[in-house]
Amino acid sequence: MAVKHTIVLVEWADAYEVSDWTSPDELDQEPVIVQSIGFLLPEYKENYVVICQSDDGQGELDNYLFIPAGMVIKLHVV
């Protein structure tokens, strides 16, 4: 089966939470950087980079990830 989608590695700054009682001085100041890989669905949703994990070859895709475009640091074609 031929690959229908471009495979990309997206490096992005993730949003996260701290749910324990914590002083603001104790919070980590560094961003949480995530790398995700998948099939790119260009222009699928405005202001988002959208990738999916699986393609069944019959038009069905699985495990979509919607990354806000402003959080993307780098996008590499694999």
C-alpha atoms as a PDB file:
ATOM      1  CA  MET A   1       0.000   0.000   0.000  1.00  0.00           C
ATOM      2  CA  ALA A   2       1.341   3.429  -0.956  1.00  0.00           C
ATOM      3  CA  VAL A   3       1.516   6.112   1.724  1.00  0.00           C
ATOM      4  CA  LYS A   4      -1.182   8.708   0.992  1.00  0.00           C
ATOM      5  CA  HIS A   5      -0.142  11.233   3.628  1.00  0.00           C
ATOM      6  CA  THR A   6       3.082  13.015   4.490  1.00  0.00           C
ATOM      7  CA  ILE A   7       4.643  11.631   7.673  1.00  0.00           C
ATOM      8  CA  VAL A   8       5.857  14.365  10.019  1.00  0.00           C
ATOM      9  CA  LEU A   9       7.535  14.804  13.380  1.00  0.00           C
ATOM     10  CA  VAL A  10       6.032  17.739  15.278  1.00  0.00           C
ATOM     11  CA  GLU A  11       7.942  19.331  18.145  1.00  0.00           C
ATOM     12  CA  TRP A  12       5.623  21.417  20.298  1.00  0.00           C
ATOM     13  CA  ALA A  13       5.243  23.078  23.682  1.00  0.00           C
ATOM     14  CA  ASP A  14       2.561  21.198  25.579  1.00  0.00           C
ATOM     15  CA  ALA A  15       0.063  22.685  27.991  1.00  0.00           C
ATOM     16  CA  TYR A  16       0.154  20.971  31.373  1.00  0.00           C
ATOM     17  CA  GLU A  17      -1.169  21.265  34.884  1.00  0.00           C
ATOM     18  CA  VAL A  18       0.031  20.984  38.437  1.00  0.00           C
ATOM     19  CA  SER A  19      -2.816  19.711  40.600  1.00  0.00           C
ATOM     20  CA  ASP A  20      -1.156  19.518  44.012  1.00  0.00           C
ATOM     21  CA  TRP A  21      -0.945  22.296  46.578  1.00  0.00           C
ATOM     22  CA  THR A  22       2.237  24.048  45.480  1.00  0.00           C
ATOM     23  CA  SER A  23       3.837  27.414  45.985  1.00  0.00           C
ATOM     24  CA  PRO A  24       4.310  29.302  42.699  1.00  0.00           C
ATOM     25  CA  ASP A  25       8.028  29.503  43.546  1.00  0.00           C
ATOM     26  CA  GLU A  26       8.204  25.685  43.339  1.00  0.00           C
ATOM     27  CA  LEU A  27       6.732  25.439  39.842  1.00  0.00           C
ATOM     28  CA  ASP A  28       8.967  24.362  36.983  1.00  0.00           C
ATOM     29  CA  GLN A  29       9.644  27.342  34.733  1.00  0.00           C
ATOM     30  CA  GLU A  30      10.774  25.274  31.748  1.00  0.00           C
ATOM     31  CA  PRO A  31       8.282  24.414  29.000  1.00  0.00           C
ATOM     32  CA  VAL A  32       7.174  20.832  28.459  1.00  0.00           C
ATOM     33  CA  ILE A  33       8.409  19.984  24.955  1.00  0.00           C
ATOM     34  CA  VAL A  34       6.720  17.048  23.210  1.00  0.00           C
ATOM     35  CA  GLN A  35       7.566  15.232  19.985  1.00  0.00           C
ATOM     36  CA  SER A  36       4.708  13.566  18.109  1.00  0.00           C
ATOM     37  CA  ILE A  37       4.872  11.678  14.830  1.00  0.00           C
ATOM     38  CA  GLY A  38       2.038  10.900  12.443  1.00  0.00           C
ATOM     39  CA  PHE A  39       0.311  11.443   9.129  1.00  0.00           C
ATOM     40  CA  LEU A  40      -0.134  15.167   8.430  1.00  0.00           C
ATOM     41  CA  LEU A  41      -3.627  16.357   7.529  1.00  0.00           C
ATOM     42  CA  PRO A  42      -2.808  19.804   6.115  1.00  0.00           C
ATOM     43  CA  GLU A  43      -5.423  22.544   6.305  1.00  0.00           C
ATOM     44  CA  TYR A  44      -7.821  20.210   8.149  1.00  0.00           C
ATOM     45  CA  LYS A  45      -8.580  22.674  10.937  1.00  0.00           C
ATOM     46  CA  GLU A  46      -7.621  26.348  10.866  1.00  0.00           C
ATOM     47  CA  ASN A  47      -4.866  27.357  13.329  1.00  0.00           C
ATOM     48  CA  TYR A  48      -4.025  23.727  14.197  1.00  0.00           C
ATOM     49  CA  VAL A  49      -1.484  21.186  13.013  1.00  0.00           C
ATOM     50  CA  VAL A  50      -3.469  17.966  12.744  1.00  0.00           C
ATOM     51  CA  ILE A  51      -1.848  14.539  12.561  1.00  0.00           C
ATOM     52  CA  CYS A  52      -3.265  11.035  12.898  1.00  0.00           C
ATOM     53  CA  GLN A  53      -1.671   7.761  13.909  1.00  0.00           C
ATOM     54  CA  SER A  54      -3.221   5.207  11.572  1.00  0.00           C
ATOM     55  CA  ASP A  55      -4.762   4.960   8.088  1.00  0.00           C
ATOM     56  CA  ASP A  56      -6.672   1.781   7.175  1.00  0.00           C
ATOM     57  CA  GLY A  57      -6.226   2.443   3.441  1.00  0.00           C
ATOM     58  CA  GLN A  58      -9.996   2.636   2.962  1.00  0.00           C
ATOM     59  CA  GLY A  59     -10.567   6.232   4.047  1.00  0.00           C
ATOM     60  CA  GLU A  60     -10.750   5.699   7.815  1.00  0.00           C
ATOM     61  CA  LEU A  61      -8.157   7.362  10.062  1.00  0.00           C
ATOM     62  CA  ASP A  62      -7.477   6.826  13.757  1.00  0.00           C
ATOM     63  CA  ASN A  63      -6.105   8.704  16.761  1.00  0.00           C
ATOM     64  CA  TYR A  64      -6.192  12.336  15.665  1.00  0.00           C
ATOM     65  CA  LEU A  65      -4.014  14.883  17.456  1.00  0.00           C
ATOM     66  CA  PHE A  66      -4.926  18.586  17.197  1.00  0.00           C
ATOM     67  CA  ILE A  67      -1.920  20.764  18.096  1.00  0.00           C
ATOM     68  CA  PRO A  68      -2.539  24.533  18.300  1.00  0.00           C
ATOM     69  CA  ALA A  69      -0.332  26.110  15.618  1.00  0.00           C
ATOM     70  CA  GLY A  70       1.033  28.674  18.084  1.00  0.00           C
ATOM     71  CA  MET A  71       2.484  25.847  20.195  1.00  0.00           C
ATOM     72  CA  VAL A  72       4.435  24.265  17.309  1.00  0.00           C
ATOM     73  CA  ILE A  73       8.182  24.785  17.552  1.00  0.00           C
ATOM     74  CA  LYS A  74       9.274  22.696  14.537  1.00  0.00           C
ATOM     75  CA  LEU A  75       7.663  20.458  11.960  1.00  0.00           C
ATOM     76  CA  HIS A  76       9.938  17.964  10.163  1.00  0.00           C
ATOM     77  CA  VAL A  77       8.950  15.805   7.202  1.00  0.00           C
ATOM     78  CA  VAL A  78      10.115  12.242   7.924  1.00  0.00           C
END
